[in-house]
All heavy atoms as atom14 arrays in JSON, in Angstrom:
{
  "sequence": "VKGRFTISRDNAKNTVYLQMNSLKPEDTAVYYCASTDTIR",
  "atom14_mask": [
    [1, 1, 1, 1, 1, 1, 1, 0, 0, 0, 0, 0, 0, 0],
    [1, 1, 1, 1, 1, 1, 1, 1, 1, 0, 0, 0, 0, 0],
    [1, 1, 1, 1, 0, 0, 0, 0, 0, 0, 0, 0, 0, 0],
    [1, 1, 1, 1, 1, 1, 1, 1, 1, 1, 1, 0, 0, 0],
    [1, 1, 1, 1, 1, 1, 1, 1, 1, 1, 1, 0, 0, 0],
    [1, 1, 1, 1, 1, 1, 1, 0, 0, 0, 0, 0, 0, 0],
    [1, 1, 1, 1, 1, 1, 1, 1, 0, 0, 0, 0, 0, 0],
    [1, 1, 1, 1, 1, 1, 0, 0, 0, 0, 0, 0, 0, 0],
    [1, 1, 1, 1, 1, 1, 1, 1, 1, 1, 1, 0, 0, 0],
    [1, 1, 1, 1, 1, 1, 1, 1, 0, 0, 0, 0, 0, 0],
    [1, 1, 1, 1, 1, 1, 1, 1, 0, 0, 0, 0, 0, 0],
    [1, 1, 1, 1, 1, 0, 0, 0, 0, 0, 0, 0, 0, 0],
    [1, 1, 1, 1, 1, 1, 1, 1, 1, 0, 0, 0, 0, 0],
    [1, 1, 1, 1, 1, 1, 1, 1, 0, 0, 0, 0, 0, 0],
    [1, 1, 1, 1, 1, 1, 1, 0, 0, 0, 0, 0, 0, 0],
    [1, 1, 1, 1, 1, 1, 1, 0, 0, 0, 0, 0, 0, 0],
    [1, 1, 1, 1, 1, 1, 1, 1, 1, 1, 1, 1, 0, 0],
    [1, 1, 1, 1, 1, 1, 1, 1, 0, 0, 0, 0, 0, 0],
    [1, 1, 1, 1, 1, 1, 1, 1, 1, 0, 0, 0, 0, 0],
    [1, 1, 1, 1, 1, 1, 1, 1, 0, 0, 0, 0, 0, 0],
    [1, 1, 1, 1, 1, 1, 1, 1, 0, 0, 0, 0, 0, 0],
    [1, 1, 1, 1, 1, 1, 0, 0, 0, 0, 0, 0, 0, 0],
    [1, 1, 1, 1, 1, 1, 1, 1, 0, 0, 0, 0, 0, 0],
    [1, 1, 1, 1, 1, 1, 1, 1, 1, 0, 0, 0, 0, 0],
    [1, 1, 1, 1, 1, 1, 1, 0, 0, 0, 0, 0, 0, 0],
    [1, 1, 1, 1, 1, 1, 1, 1, 1, 0, 0, 0, 0, 0],
    [1, 1, 1, 1, 1, 1, 1, 1, 0, 0, 0, 0, 0, 0],
    [1, 1, 1, 1, 1, 1, 1, 0, 0, 0, 0, 0, 0, 0],
    [1, 1, 1, 1, 1, 0, 0, 0, 0, 0, 0, 0, 0, 0],
    [1, 1, 1, 1, 1, 1, 1, 0, 0, 0, 0, 0, 0, 0],
    [1, 1, 1, 1, 1, 1, 1, 1, 1, 1, 1, 1, 0, 0],
    [1, 1, 1, 1, 1, 1, 1, 1, 1, 1, 1, 1, 0, 0],
    [1, 1, 1, 1, 1, 1, 0, 0, 0, 0, 0, 0, 0, 0],
    [1, 1, 1, 1, 1, 0, 0, 0, 0, 0, 0, 0, 0, 0],
    [1, 1, 1, 1, 1, 1, 0, 0, 0, 0, 0, 0, 0, 0],
    [1, 1, 1, 1, 1, 1, 1, 0, 0, 0, 0, 0, 0, 0],
    [1, 1, 1, 1, 1, 1, 1, 1, 0, 0, 0, 0, 0, 0],
    [1, 1, 1, 1, 1, 1, 1, 0, 0, 0, 0, 0, 0, 0],
    [1, 1, 1, 1, 1, 1, 1, 1, 0, 0, 0, 0, 0, 0],
    [1, 1, 1, 1, 1, 1, 1, 1, 1, 1, 1, 0, 0, 0]
  ],
  "atom14_positions": [
    [[0.8, -1.22, 0.0], [0.0, 0.0, 0.0], [0.84, 1.27, 0.0], [0.27, 2.37, -0.06], [-0.98, 0.04, 1.19], [-1.86, -1.22, 1.2], [-0.23, 0.17, 2.51], [0.0, 0.0, 0.0], [0.0, 0.0, 0.0], [0.0, 0.0, 0.0], [0.0, 0.0, 0.0], [0.0, 0.0, 0.0], [0.0, 0.0, 0.0], [0.0, 0.0, 0.0]],
    [[2.15, 1.16, 0.06], [3.01, 2.33, 0.06], [2.77, 3.19, -1.18], [2.68, 2.68, -2.29], [4.48, 1.92, 0.12], [4.95, 1.46, 1.48], [6.42, 1.07, 1.46], [6.89, 0.59, 2.81], [8.3, 0.11, 2.78], [0.0, 0.0, 0.0], [0.0, 0.0, 0.0], [0.0, 0.0, 0.0], [0.0, 0.0, 0.0], [0.0, 0.0, 0.0]],
    [[2.66, 4.48, -0.97], [2.42, 5.4, -2.05], [0.96, 5.57, -2.42], [0.62, 6.48, -3.18], [0.0, 0.0, 0.0], [0.0, 0.0, 0.0], [0.0, 0.0, 0.0], [0.0, 0.0, 0.0], [0.0, 0.0, 0.0], [0.0, 0.0, 0.0], [0.0, 0.0, 0.0], [0.0, 0.0, 0.0], [0.0, 0.0, 0.0], [0.0, 0.0, 0.0]],
    [[0.1, 4.69, -1.91], [-1.33, 4.76, -2.21], [-2.18, 5.08, -0.98], [-3.17, 5.8, -1.09], [-1.81, 3.45, -2.83], [-1.12, 3.08, -4.12], [-1.79, 1.88, -4.79], [-1.76, 0.69, -3.94], [-2.84, 0.03, -3.53], [-4.05, 0.45, -3.88], [-2.71, -1.06, -2.77], [0.0, 0.0, 0.0], [0.0, 0.0, 0.0], [0.0, 0.0, 0.0]],
    [[-1.79, 4.55, 0.17], [-2.55, 4.75, 1.41], [-1.79, 5.7, 2.33], [-0.56, 5.72, 2.35], [-2.75, 3.43, 2.15], [-3.69, 2.46, 1.47], [-4.14, 2.67, 0.18], [-4.12, 1.33, 2.16], [-5.0, 1.77, -0.43], [-4.98, 0.43, 1.55], [-5.41, 0.64, 0.26], [0.0, 0.0, 0.0], [0.0, 0.0, 0.0], [0.0, 0.0, 0.0]],
    [[-2.53, 6.47, 3.12], [-1.96, 7.37, 4.1], [-2.7, 7.23, 5.42], [-3.93, 7.4, 5.46], [-2.0, 8.83, 3.64], [-1.32, 8.97, 2.4], [-1.34, 9.73, 4.68], [0.0, 0.0, 0.0], [0.0, 0.0, 0.0], [0.0, 0.0, 0.0], [0.0, 0.0, 0.0], [0.0, 0.0, 0.0], [0.0, 0.0, 0.0], [0.0, 0.0, 0.0]],
    [[-1.99, 6.92, 6.49], [-2.58, 6.85, 7.81], [-2.32, 8.17, 8.54], [-1.24, 8.75, 8.42], [-2.04, 5.65, 8.62], [-2.8, 5.48, 9.93], [-0.55, 5.78, 8.87], [-2.48, 4.19, 10.67], [0.0, 0.0, 0.0], [0.0, 0.0, 0.0], [0.0, 0.0, 0.0], [0.0, 0.0, 0.0], [0.0, 0.0, 0.0], [0.0, 0.0, 0.0]],
    [[-3.3, 8.65, 9.27], [-3.17, 9.88, 10.03], [-4.01, 9.79, 11.29], [-4.79, 8.85, 11.45], [-3.58, 11.1, 9.19], [-4.93, 11.01, 8.79], [0.0, 0.0, 0.0], [0.0, 0.0, 0.0], [0.0, 0.0, 0.0], [0.0, 0.0, 0.0], [0.0, 0.0, 0.0], [0.0, 0.0, 0.0], [0.0, 0.0, 0.0], [0.0, 0.0, 0.0]],
    [[-3.83, 10.76, 12.18], [-4.61, 10.74, 13.42], [-4.96, 12.15, 13.87], [-4.26, 13.11, 13.56], [-3.87, 9.97, 14.52], [-2.92, 10.78, 15.41], [-1.67, 11.2, 14.69], [-0.64, 11.63, 15.63], [0.16, 12.67, 15.43], [0.07, 13.38, 14.29], [1.08, 13.0, 16.33], [0.0, 0.0, 0.0], [0.0, 0.0, 0.0], [0.0, 0.0, 0.0]],
    [[-6.06, 12.25, 14.6], [-6.5, 13.47, 15.24], [-6.58, 13.16, 16.73], [-7.54, 12.56, 17.19], [-7.85, 13.93, 14.69], [-8.28, 15.27, 15.24], [-7.87, 15.65, 16.35], [-9.06, 15.96, 14.55], [0.0, 0.0, 0.0], [0.0, 0.0, 0.0], [0.0, 0.0, 0.0], [0.0, 0.0, 0.0], [0.0, 0.0, 0.0], [0.0, 0.0, 0.0]],
    [[-5.56, 13.55, 17.47], [-5.48, 13.19, 18.88], [-6.64, 13.77, 19.69], [-7.14, 13.12, 20.61], [-4.15, 13.65, 19.48], [-2.96, 12.97, 18.85], [-2.63, 13.23, 17.69], [-2.31, 12.09, 19.61], [0.0, 0.0, 0.0], [0.0, 0.0, 0.0], [0.0, 0.0, 0.0], [0.0, 0.0, 0.0], [0.0, 0.0, 0.0], [0.0, 0.0, 0.0]],
    [[-7.06, 14.98, 19.37], [-8.15, 15.61, 20.11], [-9.45, 14.84, 19.97], [-10.28, 14.85, 20.87], [-8.33, 17.06, 19.65], [0.0, 0.0, 0.0], [0.0, 0.0, 0.0], [0.0, 0.0, 0.0], [0.0, 0.0, 0.0], [0.0, 0.0, 0.0], [0.0, 0.0, 0.0], [0.0, 0.0, 0.0], [0.0, 0.0, 0.0], [0.0, 0.0, 0.0]],
    [[-9.64, 14.18, 18.83], [-10.86, 13.41, 18.58], [-10.69, 11.92, 18.83], [-11.64, 11.17, 18.65], [-11.33, 13.63, 17.14], [-11.74, 15.05, 16.82], [-12.2, 15.18, 15.38], [-12.64, 16.59, 15.05], [-13.08, 16.71, 13.64], [0.0, 0.0, 0.0], [0.0, 0.0, 0.0], [0.0, 0.0, 0.0], [0.0, 0.0, 0.0], [0.0, 0.0, 0.0]],
    [[-9.5, 11.51, 19.24], [-9.2, 10.08, 19.42], [-9.61, 9.29, 18.18], [-10.22, 8.22, 18.28], [-9.9, 9.53, 20.66], [-9.3, 10.04, 21.95], [-8.09, 10.27, 22.04], [-10.13, 10.21, 22.97], [0.0, 0.0, 0.0], [0.0, 0.0, 0.0], [0.0, 0.0, 0.0], [0.0, 0.0, 0.0], [0.0, 0.0, 0.0], [0.0, 0.0, 0.0]],
    [[-9.24, 9.81, 17.03], [-9.65, 9.22, 15.77], [-8.45, 9.02, 14.86], [-7.58, 9.9, 14.77], [-10.7, 10.09, 15.06], [-11.85, 10.23, 15.91], [-11.13, 9.47, 13.74], [0.0, 0.0, 0.0], [0.0, 0.0, 0.0], [0.0, 0.0, 0.0], [0.0, 0.0, 0.0], [0.0, 0.0, 0.0], [0.0, 0.0, 0.0], [0.0, 0.0, 0.0]],
    [[-8.41, 7.88, 14.2], [-7.38, 7.54, 13.23], [-8.04, 7.37, 11.87], [-9.16, 6.85, 11.77], [-6.63, 6.26, 13.64], [-5.61, 5.87, 12.58], [-5.93, 6.46, 14.98], [0.0, 0.0, 0.0], [0.0, 0.0, 0.0], [0.0, 0.0, 0.0], [0.0, 0.0, 0.0], [0.0, 0.0, 0.0], [0.0, 0.0, 0.0], [0.0, 0.0, 0.0]],
    [[-7.35, 7.8, 10.83], [-7.88, 7.75, 9.48], [-6.97, 6.93, 8.58], [-5.77, 6.81, 8.81], [-8.01, 9.16, 8.89], [-8.83, 10.1, 9.74], [-8.22, 10.94, 10.66], [-10.22, 10.15, 9.62], [-8.97, 11.8, 11.44], [-10.96, 11.0, 10.4], [-10.34, 11.83, 11.3], [-11.09, 12.69, 12.08], [0.0, 0.0, 0.0], [0.0, 0.0, 0.0]],
    [[-7.57, 6.37, 7.55], [-6.83, 5.71, 6.5], [-7.35, 6.21, 5.16], [-8.45, 5.85, 4.74], [-6.96, 4.18, 6.59], [-6.1, 3.4, 5.6], [-4.62, 3.55, 5.93], [-6.5, 1.92, 5.58], [0.0, 0.0, 0.0], [0.0, 0.0, 0.0], [0.0, 0.0, 0.0], [0.0, 0.0, 0.0], [0.0, 0.0, 0.0], [0.0, 0.0, 0.0]],
    [[-6.57, 7.07, 4.53], [-6.9, 7.57, 3.2], [-6.38, 6.58, 2.17], [-5.18, 6.31, 2.12], [-6.29, 8.95, 2.97], [-6.56, 9.53, 1.59], [-8.01, 9.85, 1.36], [-8.65, 10.46, 2.21], [-8.55, 9.44, 0.22], [0.0, 0.0, 0.0], [0.0, 0.0, 0.0], [0.0, 0.0, 0.0], [0.0, 0.0, 0.0], [0.0, 0.0, 0.0]],
    [[-7.27, 6.04, 1.36], [-6.92, 5.02, 0.38], [-7.17, 5.57, -1.01], [-8.3, 5.87, -1.38], [-7.74, 3.75, 0.61], [-7.62, 3.19, 2.02], [-8.5, 1.62, 2.23], [-10.19, 2.18, 1.99], [0.0, 0.0, 0.0], [0.0, 0.0, 0.0], [0.0, 0.0, 0.0], [0.0, 0.0, 0.0], [0.0, 0.0, 0.0], [0.0, 0.0, 0.0]],
    [[-6.1, 5.72, -1.78], [-6.17, 6.2, -3.15], [-5.72, 5.12, -4.12], [-5.07, 4.15, -3.74], [-5.3, 7.45, -3.33], [-5.72, 8.6, -2.45], [-6.91, 8.81, -2.2], [-4.75, 9.38, -1.98], [0.0, 0.0, 0.0], [0.0, 0.0, 0.0], [0.0, 0.0, 0.0], [0.0, 0.0, 0.0], [0.0, 0.0, 0.0], [0.0, 0.0, 0.0]],
    [[-6.04, 5.31, -5.39], [-5.65, 4.37, -6.44], [-6.01, 2.94, -6.06], [-5.2, 2.02, -6.19], [-4.15, 4.5, -6.73], [-3.82, 5.81, -7.14], [0.0, 0.0, 0.0], [0.0, 0.0, 0.0], [0.0, 0.0, 0.0], [0.0, 0.0, 0.0], [0.0, 0.0, 0.0], [0.0, 0.0, 0.0], [0.0, 0.0, 0.0], [0.0, 0.0, 0.0]],
    [[-7.22, 2.75, -5.61], [-7.65, 1.45, -5.11], [-7.67, 0.4, -6.22], [-7.99, 0.71, -7.37], [-9.02, 1.55, -4.46], [-9.01, 2.17, -3.06], [-10.4, 2.62, -2.66], [-8.46, 1.16, -2.05], [0.0, 0.0, 0.0], [0.0, 0.0, 0.0], [0.0, 0.0, 0.0], [0.0, 0.0, 0.0], [0.0, 0.0, 0.0], [0.0, 0.0, 0.0]],
    [[-7.33, -0.82, -5.85], [-7.29, -1.96, -6.75], [-8.23, -3.03, -6.25], [-8.53, -3.08, -5.06], [-5.86, -2.52, -6.83], [-4.79, -1.51, -7.17], [-3.41, -2.13, -7.06], [-2.32, -1.13, -7.37], [-0.97, -1.73, -7.23], [0.0, 0.0, 0.0], [0.0, 0.0, 0.0], [0.0, 0.0, 0.0], [0.0, 0.0, 0.0], [0.0, 0.0, 0.0]],
    [[-8.69, -3.92, -7.13], [-9.56, -5.02, -6.67], [-8.94, -5.84, -5.56], [-9.67, -6.32, -4.68], [-9.76, -5.85, -7.95], [-9.65, -4.87, -9.05], [-8.58, -3.89, -8.61], [0.0, 0.0, 0.0], [0.0, 0.0, 0.0], [0.0, 0.0, 0.0], [0.0, 0.0, 0.0], [0.0, 0.0, 0.0], [0.0, 0.0, 0.0], [0.0, 0.0, 0.0]],
    [[-7.63, -6.0, -5.55], [-6.98, -6.77, -4.5], [-7.0, -6.07, -3.14], [-6.61, -6.67, -2.14], [-5.54, -7.13, -4.88], [-4.71, -5.94, -5.34], [-4.64, -5.84, -6.86], [-5.69, -5.98, -7.52], [-3.53, -5.64, -7.39], [0.0, 0.0, 0.0], [0.0, 0.0, 0.0], [0.0, 0.0, 0.0], [0.0, 0.0, 0.0], [0.0, 0.0, 0.0]],
    [[-7.44, -4.82, -3.09], [-7.64, -4.13, -1.82], [-8.96, -4.5, -1.16], [-9.2, -4.1, -0.02], [-7.58, -2.61, -2.01], [-6.21, -2.13, -2.48], [-5.2, -2.63, -1.96], [-6.17, -1.25, -3.36], [0.0, 0.0, 0.0], [0.0, 0.0, 0.0], [0.0, 0.0, 0.0], [0.0, 0.0, 0.0], [0.0, 0.0, 0.0], [0.0, 0.0, 0.0]],
    [[-9.81, -5.22, -1.87], [-11.1, -5.62, -1.33], [-10.91, -6.48, -0.09], [-10.24, -7.51, -0.12], [-11.92, -6.38, -2.38], [-12.22, -5.51, -3.46], [-13.22, -6.9, -1.78], [0.0, 0.0, 0.0], [0.0, 0.0, 0.0], [0.0, 0.0, 0.0], [0.0, 0.0, 0.0], [0.0, 0.0, 0.0], [0.0, 0.0, 0.0], [0.0, 0.0, 0.0]],
    [[-11.51, -6.06, 1.02], [-11.37, -6.77, 2.29], [-12.21, -6.07, 3.35], [-12.72, -4.97, 3.13], [-9.9, -6.8, 2.74], [0.0, 0.0, 0.0], [0.0, 0.0, 0.0], [0.0, 0.0, 0.0], [0.0, 0.0, 0.0], [0.0, 0.0, 0.0], [0.0, 0.0, 0.0], [0.0, 0.0, 0.0], [0.0, 0.0, 0.0], [0.0, 0.0, 0.0]],
    [[-12.33, -6.71, 4.5], [-12.83, -6.04, 5.69], [-11.65, -5.38, 6.37], [-10.63, -6.04, 6.63], [-13.53, -7.01, 6.65], [-13.96, -6.29, 7.92], [-14.73, -7.66, 5.98], [0.0, 0.0, 0.0], [0.0, 0.0, 0.0], [0.0, 0.0, 0.0], [0.0, 0.0, 0.0], [0.0, 0.0, 0.0], [0.0, 0.0, 0.0], [0.0, 0.0, 0.0]],
    [[-11.76, -4.1, 6.64], [-10.68, -3.34, 7.25], [-10.97, -3.13, 8.73], [-12.06, -2.71, 9.11], [-10.5, -1.99, 6.54], [-9.78, -2.12, 5.22], [-10.4, -2.71, 4.13], [-8.47, -1.67, 5.07], [-9.73, -2.86, 2.91], [-7.8, -1.8, 3.87], [-8.44, -2.39, 2.79], [-7.77, -2.52, 1.59], [0.0, 0.0, 0.0], [0.0, 0.0, 0.0]],
    [[-9.97, -3.41, 9.56], [-10.08, -3.29, 11.0], [-9.04, -2.31, 11.53], [-7.91, -2.28, 11.05], [-9.81, -4.64, 11.68], [-10.75, -5.75, 11.3], [-10.47, -6.57, 10.22], [-11.9, -5.99, 12.03], [-11.32, -7.61, 9.87], [-12.76, -7.03, 11.69], [-12.46, -7.84, 10.61], [-13.3, -8.86, 10.28], [0.0, 0.0, 0.0], [0.0, 0.0, 0.0]],
    [[-9.41, -1.54, 12.53], [-8.43, -0.78, 13.28], [-8.17, -1.48, 14.61], [-9.02, -2.21, 15.12], [-8.85, 0.68, 13.5], [-10.3, 0.92, 14.54], [0.0, 0.0, 0.0], [0.0, 0.0, 0.0], [0.0, 0.0, 0.0], [0.0, 0.0, 0.0], [0.0, 0.0, 0.0], [0.0, 0.0, 0.0], [0.0, 0.0, 0.0], [0.0, 0.0, 0.0]],
    [[-6.99, -1.26, 15.16], [-6.59, -1.94, 16.39], [-5.59, -1.08, 17.14], [-4.93, -0.21, 16.57], [-5.98, -3.31, 16.07], [0.0, 0.0, 0.0], [0.0, 0.0, 0.0], [0.0, 0.0, 0.0], [0.0, 0.0, 0.0], [0.0, 0.0, 0.0], [0.0, 0.0, 0.0], [0.0, 0.0, 0.0], [0.0, 0.0, 0.0], [0.0, 0.0, 0.0]],
    [[-5.47, -1.36, 18.44], [-4.62, -0.58, 19.32], [-3.58, -1.47, 19.98], [-3.87, -2.6, 20.37], [-5.46, 0.12, 20.4], [-4.64, 0.76, 21.36], [0.0, 0.0, 0.0], [0.0, 0.0, 0.0], [0.0, 0.0, 0.0], [0.0, 0.0, 0.0], [0.0, 0.0, 0.0], [0.0, 0.0, 0.0], [0.0, 0.0, 0.0], [0.0, 0.0, 0.0]],
    [[-2.36, -0.94, 20.13], [-1.3, -1.63, 20.84], [-0.52, -0.63, 21.68], [-0.41, 0.55, 21.31], [-0.34, -2.36, 19.88], [0.69, -3.01, 20.63], [0.31, -1.39, 18.9], [0.0, 0.0, 0.0], [0.0, 0.0, 0.0], [0.0, 0.0, 0.0], [0.0, 0.0, 0.0], [0.0, 0.0, 0.0], [0.0, 0.0, 0.0], [0.0, 0.0, 0.0]],
    [[0.01, -1.09, 22.8], [0.82, -0.21, 23.65], [2.31, -0.48, 23.51], [3.1, 0.0, 24.32], [0.39, -0.32, 25.12], [0.57, -1.72, 25.7], [1.05, -2.61, 24.98], [0.22, -1.91, 26.88], [0.0, 0.0, 0.0], [0.0, 0.0, 0.0], [0.0, 0.0, 0.0], [0.0, 0.0, 0.0], [0.0, 0.0, 0.0], [0.0, 0.0, 0.0]],
    [[2.71, -1.22, 22.51], [4.12, -1.48, 22.28], [4.81, -0.23, 21.77], [4.25, 0.53, 20.97], [4.34, -2.62, 21.27], [3.76, -2.27, 20.02], [3.72, -3.91, 21.78], [0.0, 0.0, 0.0], [0.0, 0.0, 0.0], [0.0, 0.0, 0.0], [0.0, 0.0, 0.0], [0.0, 0.0, 0.0], [0.0, 0.0, 0.0], [0.0, 0.0, 0.0]],
    [[6.02, -0.01, 22.24], [6.78, 1.16, 21.81], [7.31, 0.98, 20.4], [7.28, 1.9, 19.58], [7.94, 1.45, 22.79], [7.38, 1.78, 24.18], [8.82, 2.57, 22.27], [8.45, 1.97, 25.24], [0.0, 0.0, 0.0], [0.0, 0.0, 0.0], [0.0, 0.0, 0.0], [0.0, 0.0, 0.0], [0.0, 0.0, 0.0], [0.0, 0.0, 0.0]],
    [[7.78, -0.23, 20.09], [8.28, -0.52, 18.76], [7.13, -0.82, 17.8], [6.03, -1.2, 18.21], [9.23, -1.72, 18.81], [10.42, -1.54, 19.75], [11.26, -0.34, 19.36], [11.69, -0.4, 17.97], [12.3, 0.59, 17.32], [12.53, 1.74, 17.95], [12.66, 0.44, 16.07], [0.0, 0.0, 0.0], [0.0, 0.0, 0.0], [0.0, 0.0, 0.0]]
  ]
}
């Protein structure tokens, strides 16, 4: 997805976004967001 997708966040709204451009049929899927507390 490099060069096509962009992840961003709005800390004040506790919201994360995924901008998906130049979509392809192989991008078809259920998309999930998830949280981790790992530093790396």
